[in-house]
């Protein structure tokens, strides 16, 4: 009798787990992957993909308004929320089927059940089955965090529920200042809701470049989104006499009436109920994720973890890269470590944010000489449509080596632009390389290769002897 039933058991059928399973199976490993809900994980089922579909849907209203400046007379348009939700569900179901099919085509076996670890090599499934595995990979992702249990927390929804609302709220309060909160603020505002954003910090998008934070906030407020900072939600009351209405009480003493209250204040790793404590898999005391080394190995040598459950960098492409590297290392005998530096990222807010590399503050802390190149302008479309919106382009340069160490864009197609620029930043391109690249005219992105004069230069004084 064989000591193990499978070479690899993957817990979690999201993007990272699926990639690891497919690559490992491609190397000839016998692989089983368990998913208790739906294949595709957060990104496909309740995250990036449905959110982007909603973002695209909410853009249509602005496109209709802008059309008049280009000579189009469009009759009064109507929007049907249930149609958007239903069509989104069809697309998600299609993608889920593709994920499942691709895993099975690779030779891996999919099990629709919840998995828990009994010992270093034993997994128990909710269908009553027990499986012995030589290697275990945990890829269970993360889930929305509601924060402290304030009075009325039961009335609050998360991003999960936002994808399945029976009707579009006329008024919504969103607590949170990160990318999820701001993306949903743009979605609901674009579809016609009155939106208020509540954030405890001094400004939205903590951790992003300060110019990006200020620019995006100004643009969102132009669209009528009310952003209240330096306060939090203390209590949510349901107002029975008005049907589905809530009163949100804030720490600054004010209150807001709305039809819906949503919290998007972060996510925490899905580590509960996995049996980690039974086998001694250590958690990171700082962030609550599974603690791993540079090879994604946990404190138990044959158990690995990737993606959001490690709470390193919670992005789908990062989980995929980690899953691929794990499979290459363990089953392909090609040791690969993931480089978590210079990861491009986007916020599908309205306007969109794309960024790669260091912020200005990070660069000034790291380098003695920093040059900043910045452009803030009305895009050509707005000059015709009459829309009062501006684009931000910013390059952060190491003044000593001339290397571009950061690029930040706020405006239409910012994510598409940054994906290409990320290649240059990863390759350590210099500002001279950018300058010698021909501009593609007329585009907004040409500003990235035509900015010749620094808007600011910083020289850090040497520490006193």
Protein backbone atom coordinates (compact mmCIF):
# COMPACT_ATOMS: atom_id res chain seq x y z
CA UNK A 1 0.00 0.00 0.00
CA UNK A 2 1.34 3.41 -0.98
CA UNK A 3 2.28 5.71 1.86
CA UNK A 4 0.46 8.66 0.25
CA UNK A 5 -2.72 8.96 -1.81
CA UNK A 6 -1.43 12.04 -3.67
CA UNK A 7 1.83 13.90 -4.11
CA UNK A 8 0.19 17.29 -3.57
CA UNK A 9 -3.03 18.35 -1.87
CA UNK A 10 -4.08 21.95 -2.48
CA UNK A 11 -6.58 23.59 -0.12
CA UNK A 12 -8.34 26.36 -2.01
CA UNK A 13 -9.45 26.64 -5.64
CA UNK A 14 -8.61 30.29 -6.21
CA UNK A 15 -6.16 31.68 -8.74
CA UNK A 16 -3.04 30.76 -6.76
CA UNK A 17 -4.13 27.26 -5.83
CA UNK A 18 -5.31 26.49 -9.34
CA UNK A 19 -2.04 27.63 -10.89
CA UNK A 20 0.00 25.55 -8.43
CA UNK A 21 -2.16 22.47 -9.05
CA UNK A 22 -1.94 22.76 -12.84
CA UNK A 23 1.82 23.32 -12.94
CA UNK A 24 2.53 20.55 -10.43
CA UNK A 25 0.33 18.13 -12.40
CA UNK A 26 2.20 19.16 -15.53
CA UNK A 27 5.40 17.96 -13.88
CA UNK A 28 3.79 14.56 -13.37
CA UNK A 29 2.65 14.96 -9.77
CA UNK A 30 -0.57 13.35 -8.60
CA UNK A 31 -2.60 16.35 -7.43
CA UNK A 32 -5.90 16.86 -5.62
CA UNK A 33 -7.42 20.30 -5.03
CA UNK A 34 -10.31 20.98 -2.64
CA UNK A 35 -12.66 23.96 -2.89
CA UNK A 36 -15.67 24.27 -0.58
CA UNK A 37 -17.44 27.03 -2.50
CA UNK A 38 -16.79 27.86 -6.16
CA UNK A 39 -13.66 27.42 -8.25
CA UNK A 40 -11.98 30.72 -9.05
CA UNK A 41 -11.72 32.11 -5.54
CA UNK A 42 -12.07 35.73 -4.50
CA UNK A 43 -10.86 37.23 -7.77
CA UNK A 44 -13.18 35.41 -10.12
CA UNK A 45 -16.24 34.90 -7.92
CA UNK A 46 -16.44 37.92 -5.60
CA UNK A 47 -13.54 40.23 -6.38
CA UNK A 48 -11.56 41.58 -9.30
CA UNK A 49 -13.63 40.20 -12.17
CA UNK A 50 -17.22 41.02 -11.09
CA UNK A 51 -15.99 44.35 -9.72
CA UNK A 52 -14.41 45.28 -13.07
CA UNK A 53 -17.64 44.32 -14.84
CA UNK A 54 -19.54 46.65 -12.50
CA UNK A 55 -16.97 49.40 -13.11
CA UNK A 56 -17.40 49.05 -16.87
CA UNK A 57 -21.16 49.17 -16.46
CA UNK A 58 -21.01 52.32 -14.36
CA UNK A 59 -18.83 54.07 -16.98
CA UNK A 60 -21.64 54.03 -19.53
CA UNK A 61 -23.50 56.87 -17.80
CA UNK A 62 -20.46 59.14 -18.15
CA UNK A 63 -19.96 58.12 -21.78
CA UNK A 64 -23.56 59.08 -22.55
CA UNK A 65 -23.07 62.48 -20.90
CA UNK A 66 -19.80 63.08 -22.78
CA UNK A 67 -21.35 62.16 -26.12
CA UNK A 68 -23.11 65.51 -26.50
CA UNK A 69 -19.79 67.32 -26.89
CA UNK A 70 -19.01 65.11 -29.88
CA UNK A 71 -22.31 65.81 -31.61
CA UNK A 72 -24.37 62.88 -30.41
CA UNK A 73 -27.93 63.39 -29.23
CA UNK A 74 -28.84 60.33 -27.17
CA UNK A 75 -32.41 59.85 -25.92
CA UNK A 76 -32.89 59.57 -22.18
CA UNK A 77 -31.31 56.29 -21.10
CA UNK A 78 -32.54 53.96 -18.36
CA UNK A 79 -30.55 51.54 -16.25
CA UNK A 80 -31.71 48.16 -14.89
CA UNK A 81 -29.66 46.87 -11.96
CA UNK A 82 -31.02 43.29 -12.03
CA UNK A 83 -29.91 42.95 -15.67
CA UNK A 84 -26.35 43.97 -14.79
CA UNK A 85 -26.27 41.52 -11.88
CA UNK A 86 -27.72 38.67 -13.95
CA UNK A 87 -25.29 39.18 -16.84
CA UNK A 88 -22.40 39.41 -14.40
CA UNK A 89 -23.49 36.11 -12.86
CA UNK A 90 -23.52 34.45 -16.29
CA UNK A 91 -19.96 35.59 -16.97
CA UNK A 92 -18.74 34.44 -13.55
CA UNK A 93 -20.35 31.03 -14.09
CA UNK A 94 -18.60 30.78 -17.46
CA UNK A 95 -15.23 31.60 -15.92
CA UNK A 96 -15.79 29.18 -13.05
CA UNK A 97 -16.39 26.42 -15.56
CA UNK A 98 -13.16 27.29 -17.37
CA UNK A 99 -11.19 27.16 -14.11
CA UNK A 100 -12.57 23.73 -13.26
CA UNK A 101 -12.02 22.38 -16.78
CA UNK A 102 -8.44 23.64 -16.95
CA UNK A 103 -7.55 22.00 -13.66
CA UNK A 104 -9.06 18.68 -14.73
CA UNK A 105 -7.37 18.87 -18.14
CA UNK A 106 -4.02 19.19 -16.38
CA UNK A 107 -4.64 15.84 -14.68
CA UNK A 108 -5.42 17.20 -11.21
CA UNK A 109 -8.54 16.05 -9.38
CA UNK A 110 -11.08 18.60 -8.09
CA UNK A 111 -12.99 17.85 -4.89
CA UNK A 112 -15.90 20.09 -3.90
CA UNK A 113 -15.52 19.92 -0.12
CA UNK A 114 -14.05 21.77 2.82
CA UNK A 115 -10.61 20.53 3.82
CA UNK A 116 -8.86 20.60 7.20
CA UNK A 117 -5.42 19.39 8.21
CA UNK A 118 -5.31 16.56 10.74
CA UNK A 119 -1.55 16.04 10.79
CA UNK A 120 1.41 16.96 8.60
CA UNK A 121 0.29 14.55 5.87
CA UNK A 122 -3.41 13.95 6.51
CA UNK A 123 -6.37 16.00 5.29
CA UNK A 124 -9.96 15.39 6.30
CA UNK A 125 -12.74 16.43 3.92
CA UNK A 126 -16.26 17.51 4.79
CA UNK A 127 -17.59 14.66 2.61
CA UNK A 128 -16.15 12.18 5.12
CA UNK A 129 -13.09 11.25 3.12
CA UNK A 130 -9.52 11.29 4.44
CA UNK A 131 -6.56 11.87 2.13
CA UNK A 132 -2.85 11.34 2.74
CA UNK A 133 -0.55 13.77 0.90
CA UNK A 134 3.20 14.07 0.68
CA UNK A 135 2.98 17.86 0.30
CA UNK A 136 0.18 20.22 1.34
CA UNK A 137 -0.38 23.70 -0.11
CA UNK A 138 -2.69 26.15 1.66
CA UNK A 139 -4.24 28.72 -0.70
CA UNK A 140 -7.45 29.69 1.10
CA UNK A 141 -7.27 33.43 0.45
CA UNK A 142 -8.88 36.11 2.58
CA UNK A 143 -12.28 37.43 3.58
CA UNK A 144 -13.69 40.92 4.31
CA UNK A 145 -12.98 42.32 7.75
CA UNK A 146 -15.84 44.14 9.48
CA UNK A 147 -13.65 45.46 12.28
CA UNK A 148 -14.90 45.90 15.89
CA UNK A 149 -18.44 44.81 16.69
CA UNK A 150 -20.16 48.18 16.84
CA UNK A 151 -23.90 48.43 17.62
CA UNK A 152 -25.83 47.63 14.45
CA UNK A 153 -23.01 45.79 12.73
CA UNK A 154 -25.61 43.22 11.61
CA UNK A 155 -27.03 45.85 9.24
CA UNK A 156 -23.71 46.33 7.44
CA UNK A 157 -22.77 44.54 4.20
CA UNK A 158 -19.32 43.76 2.80
CA UNK A 159 -18.07 43.71 -0.78
CA UNK A 160 -19.27 40.08 -0.98
CA UNK A 161 -22.92 41.05 -0.63
CA UNK A 162 -22.55 44.11 -2.86
CA UNK A 163 -22.44 41.84 -5.92
CA UNK A 164 -25.86 40.36 -5.21
CA UNK A 165 -28.02 43.27 -4.04
CA UNK A 166 -31.68 42.93 -5.09
CA UNK A 167 -31.81 46.61 -6.04
CA UNK A 168 -29.50 49.58 -6.52
CA UNK A 169 -29.44 51.77 -3.39
CA UNK A 170 -30.40 55.40 -3.84
CA UNK A 171 -28.03 56.35 -1.01
CA UNK A 172 -25.07 54.39 0.32
CA UNK A 173 -22.52 54.97 3.08
CA UNK A 174 -19.18 53.21 2.57
CA UNK A 175 -16.64 53.02 5.38
CA UNK A 176 -13.07 52.56 4.18
CA UNK A 177 -10.43 54.49 2.28
CA UNK A 178 -8.64 51.69 0.44
CA UNK A 179 -9.03 50.48 -3.11
CA UNK A 180 -12.13 48.33 -2.49
CA UNK A 181 -14.07 51.15 -0.83
CA UNK A 182 -13.13 53.65 -3.53
CA UNK A 183 -13.89 51.29 -6.39
CA UNK A 184 -17.38 50.62 -5.06
CA UNK A 185 -17.87 54.34 -4.39
CA UNK A 186 -17.20 54.96 -8.09
CA UNK A 187 -19.44 52.09 -9.17
CA UNK A 188 -22.45 53.21 -7.15
CA UNK A 189 -21.96 56.89 -7.98
CA UNK A 190 -21.67 56.07 -11.68
CA UNK A 191 -24.91 54.11 -11.55
CA UNK A 192 -26.73 57.01 -9.91
CA UNK A 193 -26.46 56.43 -6.16
CA UNK A 194 -25.69 59.18 -3.68
CA UNK A 195 -22.39 58.08 -2.10
CA UNK A 196 -20.65 59.03 1.14
CA UNK A 197 -17.21 57.61 1.99
CA UNK A 198 -16.07 57.52 5.63
CA UNK A 199 -12.39 57.05 6.44
CA UNK A 200 -10.51 57.23 9.73
CA UNK A 201 -7.23 58.55 8.23
CA UNK A 202 -6.36 62.02 7.01
CA UNK A 203 -6.79 61.05 3.36
CA UNK A 204 -7.84 58.11 1.19
CA UNK A 205 -5.52 55.45 -0.31
CA UNK A 206 -3.05 55.14 2.57
CA UNK A 207 0.31 53.88 1.31
CA UNK A 208 -0.03 55.40 -2.16
CA UNK A 209 1.89 58.44 -3.39
CA UNK A 210 0.67 61.66 -1.76
CA UNK A 211 0.01 63.37 -5.11
CA UNK A 212 -2.05 60.37 -6.21
CA UNK A 213 -4.09 60.48 -3.00
CA UNK A 214 -4.82 64.19 -3.30
CA UNK A 215 -5.58 64.04 -7.03
CA UNK A 216 -7.97 61.10 -6.79
CA UNK A 217 -9.85 62.61 -3.87
CA UNK A 218 -10.33 65.89 -5.74
CA UNK A 219 -11.57 64.07 -8.84
CA UNK A 220 -14.00 61.91 -6.86
CA UNK A 221 -15.39 64.92 -5.05
CA UNK A 222 -15.95 66.64 -8.42
CA UNK A 223 -18.26 63.74 -9.24
CA UNK A 224 -20.35 64.44 -6.16
CA UNK A 225 -18.93 61.70 -3.93
CA UNK A 226 -18.83 62.99 -0.36
CA UNK A 227 -15.58 61.97 1.36
CA UNK A 228 -15.38 62.42 5.13
CA UNK A 229 -11.99 61.74 6.70
CA UNK A 230 -10.70 61.59 10.29
CA UNK A 231 -13.86 59.88 11.51
CA UNK A 232 -15.34 56.40 11.83
CA UNK A 233 -18.75 54.74 12.09
CA UNK A 234 -19.79 54.27 15.73
CA UNK A 235 -23.27 52.84 15.29
CA UNK A 236 -25.79 51.88 12.62
CA UNK A 237 -29.53 52.11 13.38
CA UNK A 238 -32.28 50.66 11.26
CA UNK A 239 -35.15 53.12 10.90
CA UNK A 240 -38.23 50.89 10.85
CA UNK A 241 -40.84 53.56 10.07
CA UNK A 242 -39.16 54.34 6.75
CA UNK A 243 -38.78 50.77 5.55
CA UNK A 244 -35.24 49.93 4.47
CA UNK A 245 -33.43 52.97 5.81
CA UNK A 246 -30.44 53.28 8.11
CA UNK A 247 -28.92 56.02 10.20
CA UNK A 248 -25.14 55.87 10.42
CA UNK A 249 -23.67 57.61 13.47
CA UNK A 250 -20.12 58.94 13.14
CA UNK A 251 -17.38 59.55 15.69
CA UNK A 252 -17.49 63.30 14.92
CA UNK A 253 -21.05 63.48 16.26
CA UNK A 254 -22.83 63.69 12.91
CA UNK A 255 -25.17 61.13 11.34
CA UNK A 256 -26.11 60.12 7.79
CA UNK A 257 -29.30 58.59 6.43
CA UNK A 258 -28.93 55.95 3.71
CA UNK A 259 -30.51 52.86 2.17
CA UNK A 260 -27.36 50.78 2.55
CA UNK A 261 -24.22 50.72 4.69
CA UNK A 262 -21.10 48.95 3.45
CA UNK A 263 -17.78 48.36 5.22
CA UNK A 264 -14.63 47.91 3.14
CA UNK A 265 -11.97 48.34 5.80
CA UNK A 266 -9.62 45.55 4.84
CA UNK A 267 -9.46 41.78 4.61
CA UNK A 268 -8.09 39.10 6.91
CA UNK A 269 -6.54 35.74 5.99
CA UNK A 270 -8.77 32.65 5.91
CA UNK A 271 -6.94 30.62 8.56
CA UNK A 272 -9.80 29.57 10.84
CA UNK A 273 -10.84 25.93 10.90
CA UNK A 274 -7.89 24.66 8.85
CA UNK A 275 -6.32 22.74 11.74
CA UNK A 276 -3.14 24.80 11.65
CA UNK A 277 -2.71 24.63 15.40
CA UNK A 278 -2.82 20.83 15.32
CA UNK A 279 0.31 20.59 13.22
CA UNK A 280 2.10 23.69 14.44
CA UNK A 281 1.81 25.88 11.36
CA UNK A 282 2.87 29.29 12.68
CA UNK A 283 1.01 32.53 12.02
CA UNK A 284 2.62 35.91 11.45
CA UNK A 285 1.96 37.79 14.68
CA UNK A 286 1.98 41.12 12.87
CA UNK A 287 -0.66 40.47 10.22
CA UNK A 288 -2.37 37.21 11.18
CA UNK A 289 -1.41 35.45 7.95
CA UNK A 290 0.42 32.15 7.69
CA UNK A 291 4.12 32.77 8.22
CA UNK A 292 6.26 31.60 5.29
CA UNK A 293 9.83 31.90 4.08
CA UNK A 294 11.02 33.04 0.65
CA UNK A 295 10.02 29.65 -0.82
CA UNK A 296 6.45 29.87 0.61
CA UNK A 297 7.31 27.12 3.12
CA UNK A 298 5.58 27.26 6.50
CA UNK A 299 7.03 26.23 9.86
CA UNK A 300 6.09 22.64 8.95
CA UNK A 301 8.57 21.54 6.21
CA UNK A 302 6.11 19.77 3.87
CA UNK A 303 3.32 22.37 4.22
CA UNK A 304 3.39 25.51 2.07
CA UNK A 305 1.13 28.57 1.76
CA UNK A 306 0.63 31.15 -0.98
CA UNK A 307 -1.54 34.14 -1.79
CA UNK A 308 -3.74 36.21 0.50
CA UNK A 309 -3.69 33.64 3.31
CA UNK A 310 -0.06 34.67 3.90
CA UNK A 311 -1.07 38.36 3.93
CA UNK A 312 2.10 39.40 2.13
CA UNK A 313 0.90 41.25 -0.97
CA UNK A 314 -2.78 40.55 -1.57
CA UNK A 315 -2.99 40.68 -5.35
CA UNK A 316 -4.20 37.94 -7.68
CA UNK A 317 -1.13 38.02 -9.99
CA UNK A 318 1.10 37.70 -6.91
CA UNK A 319 -0.78 34.59 -5.75
CA UNK A 320 -0.48 33.13 -9.25
CA UNK A 321 3.25 33.83 -9.40
CA UNK A 322 3.74 32.34 -5.92
CA UNK A 323 1.78 29.23 -6.89
CA UNK A 324 3.79 28.78 -10.07
CA UNK A 325 7.10 29.28 -8.22
CA UNK A 326 6.06 26.76 -5.57
CA UNK A 327 5.29 24.11 -8.20
CA UNK A 328 8.51 24.82 -10.11
CA UNK A 329 10.55 24.52 -6.92
CA UNK A 330 8.94 21.47 -5.33
CA UNK A 331 7.89 19.42 -8.36
CA UNK A 332 9.87 20.87 -11.26
CA UNK A 333 13.16 20.76 -9.40
CA UNK A 334 13.76 24.33 -10.60
CA UNK A 335 14.12 26.49 -7.48
CA UNK A 336 12.28 29.79 -8.03
CA UNK A 337 11.80 32.59 -5.51
CA UNK A 338 9.24 35.31 -6.15
CA UNK A 339 10.55 38.85 -6.31
CA UNK A 340 7.96 40.94 -4.50
CA UNK A 341 9.60 44.22 -5.50
CA UNK A 342 8.32 46.48 -8.28
CA UNK A 343 4.83 44.98 -8.50
CA UNK A 344 2.46 47.10 -10.61
CA UNK A 345 -0.95 47.67 -9.15
CA UNK A 346 -4.17 49.45 -10.09
CA UNK A 347 -7.17 50.92 -8.38
CA UNK A 348 -10.23 50.75 -10.62
CA UNK A 349 -11.63 53.89 -9.10
CA UNK A 350 -13.10 56.63 -11.26
CA UNK A 351 -10.72 57.99 -12.42
CA UNK A 352 -8.45 54.96 -12.49
CA UNK A 353 -5.10 54.73 -10.68
CA UNK A 354 -2.06 52.84 -11.94
CA UNK A 355 1.22 52.69 -10.05
CA UNK A 356 4.52 50.83 -10.04
CA UNK A 357 7.64 51.20 -7.94
CA UNK A 358 8.35 53.69 -5.19
CA UNK A 359 6.28 56.63 -4.02
CA UNK A 360 8.01 59.99 -3.71
CA UNK A 361 8.25 59.58 0.07
CA UNK A 362 9.74 56.09 -0.22
CA UNK A 363 12.30 57.25 -2.77
CA UNK A 364 13.35 60.23 -0.66
CA UNK A 365 13.88 57.90 2.31
CA UNK A 366 15.93 55.49 0.21
CA UNK A 367 18.01 57.73 -2.08
CA UNK A 368 20.11 60.81 -1.37
CA UNK A 369 19.06 62.56 -4.59
CA UNK A 370 15.51 62.35 -5.95
CA UNK A 371 14.06 64.11 -8.99
CA UNK A 372 10.31 64.41 -9.52
CA UNK A 373 8.66 64.92 -12.91
CA UNK A 374 4.96 65.67 -12.86
CA UNK A 375 2.24 66.66 -15.31
CA UNK A 376 -1.35 67.61 -14.43
CA UNK A 377 -3.57 68.33 -17.43
CA UNK A 378 -7.02 68.07 -19.03
CA UNK A 379 -7.14 65.12 -21.45
CA UNK A 380 -8.21 65.80 -25.03
CA UNK A 381 -11.55 64.07 -24.54
CA UNK A 382 -12.51 66.43 -21.73
CA UNK A 383 -11.78 69.51 -23.80
CA UNK A 384 -14.54 68.39 -26.19
CA UNK A 385 -17.00 66.90 -23.72
CA UNK A 386 -16.64 69.77 -21.28
CA UNK A 387 -16.07 67.41 -18.37
CA UNK A 388 -14.03 68.99 -15.60
CA UNK A 389 -11.46 66.27 -15.07
CA UNK A 390 -7.67 66.20 -15.02
CA UNK A 391 -5.00 63.53 -15.49
CA UNK A 392 -1.95 63.11 -13.26
CA UNK A 393 1.33 61.65 -14.55
CA UNK A 394 4.32 61.37 -12.21
CA UNK A 395 7.81 59.91 -12.48
CA UNK A 396 10.07 59.38 -9.47
CA UNK A 397 13.77 59.24 -10.41
CA UNK A 398 16.89 58.33 -8.47
CA UNK A 399 18.89 61.50 -9.11
CA UNK A 400 22.22 59.73 -8.77
CA UNK A 401 21.74 56.86 -11.21
CA UNK A 402 18.99 58.54 -13.32
CA UNK A 403 16.92 55.36 -12.91
CA UNK A 404 13.12 55.68 -12.92
CA UNK A 405 12.14 54.07 -9.62
CA UNK A 406 8.44 54.94 -9.60
CA UNK A 407 5.61 55.84 -11.96
CA UNK A 408 2.14 56.96 -10.94
CA UNK A 409 -0.84 57.69 -13.21
CA UNK A 410 -4.38 58.84 -12.39
CA UNK A 411 -6.76 58.97 -15.34
CA UNK A 412 -8.47 56.91 -18.01
CA UNK A 413 -6.62 53.66 -18.87
CA UNK A 414 -4.08 54.25 -16.08
CA UNK A 415 -3.83 50.51 -15.43
CA UNK A 416 -3.21 49.73 -19.10
CA UNK A 417 -0.46 52.36 -19.22
CA UNK A 418 1.22 51.15 -16.04
CA UNK A 419 1.31 47.54 -17.22
CA UNK A 420 3.63 48.59 -20.05
CA UNK A 421 5.63 51.08 -17.98
CA UNK A 422 6.20 48.36 -15.35
CA UNK A 423 8.40 46.51 -17.85
CA UNK A 424 10.66 49.55 -18.17
CA UNK A 425 10.82 50.09 -14.41
CA UNK A 426 11.58 46.39 -13.84
CA UNK A 427 14.37 46.61 -16.42
CA UNK A 428 15.83 49.60 -14.53
CA UNK A 429 15.25 52.06 -17.36
CA UNK A 430 16.66 55.55 -16.84
CA UNK A 431 14.99 58.89 -17.30
CA UNK A 432 17.26 59.28 -20.36
CA UNK A 433 15.70 56.07 -21.77
CA UNK A 434 12.25 57.57 -21.30
CA UNK A 435 13.38 60.85 -22.88
CA UNK A 436 14.82 59.11 -25.93
CA UNK A 437 11.57 57.22 -26.57
CA UNK A 438 9.36 58.76 -29.24
CA UNK A 439 6.06 60.16 -28.05
CA UNK A 440 2.90 58.59 -29.40
CA UNK A 441 0.67 61.54 -30.25
CA UNK A 442 -2.04 62.41 -29.38
CA UNK A 443 -2.20 60.34 -26.19
CA UNK A 444 -2.16 61.12 -22.50
CA UNK A 445 0.68 58.63 -21.96
CA UNK A 446 3.04 60.64 -24.19
CA UNK A 447 3.54 62.93 -21.19
CA UNK A 448 5.65 60.17 -19.64
CA UNK A 449 8.30 60.61 -22.34
CA UNK A 450 8.02 64.37 -22.86
CA UNK A 451 8.50 65.66 -19.30
CA UNK A 452 11.96 67.23 -19.49
CA UNK A 453 12.13 69.61 -16.52
CA UNK A 454 11.90 68.34 -12.95
CA UNK A 455 9.06 69.82 -10.94
CA UNK A 456 11.08 69.17 -7.77
CA UNK A 457 14.59 68.06 -6.81
CA UNK A 458 15.51 66.78 -3.38
CA UNK A 459 18.97 66.32 -1.90
CA UNK A 460 19.16 64.66 1.49
CA UNK A 461 21.68 66.33 3.77
CA UNK A 462 24.35 64.00 5.11
CA UNK A 463 24.00 63.11 8.75
CA UNK A 464 26.20 65.15 11.06
CA UNK A 465 29.48 63.51 12.04
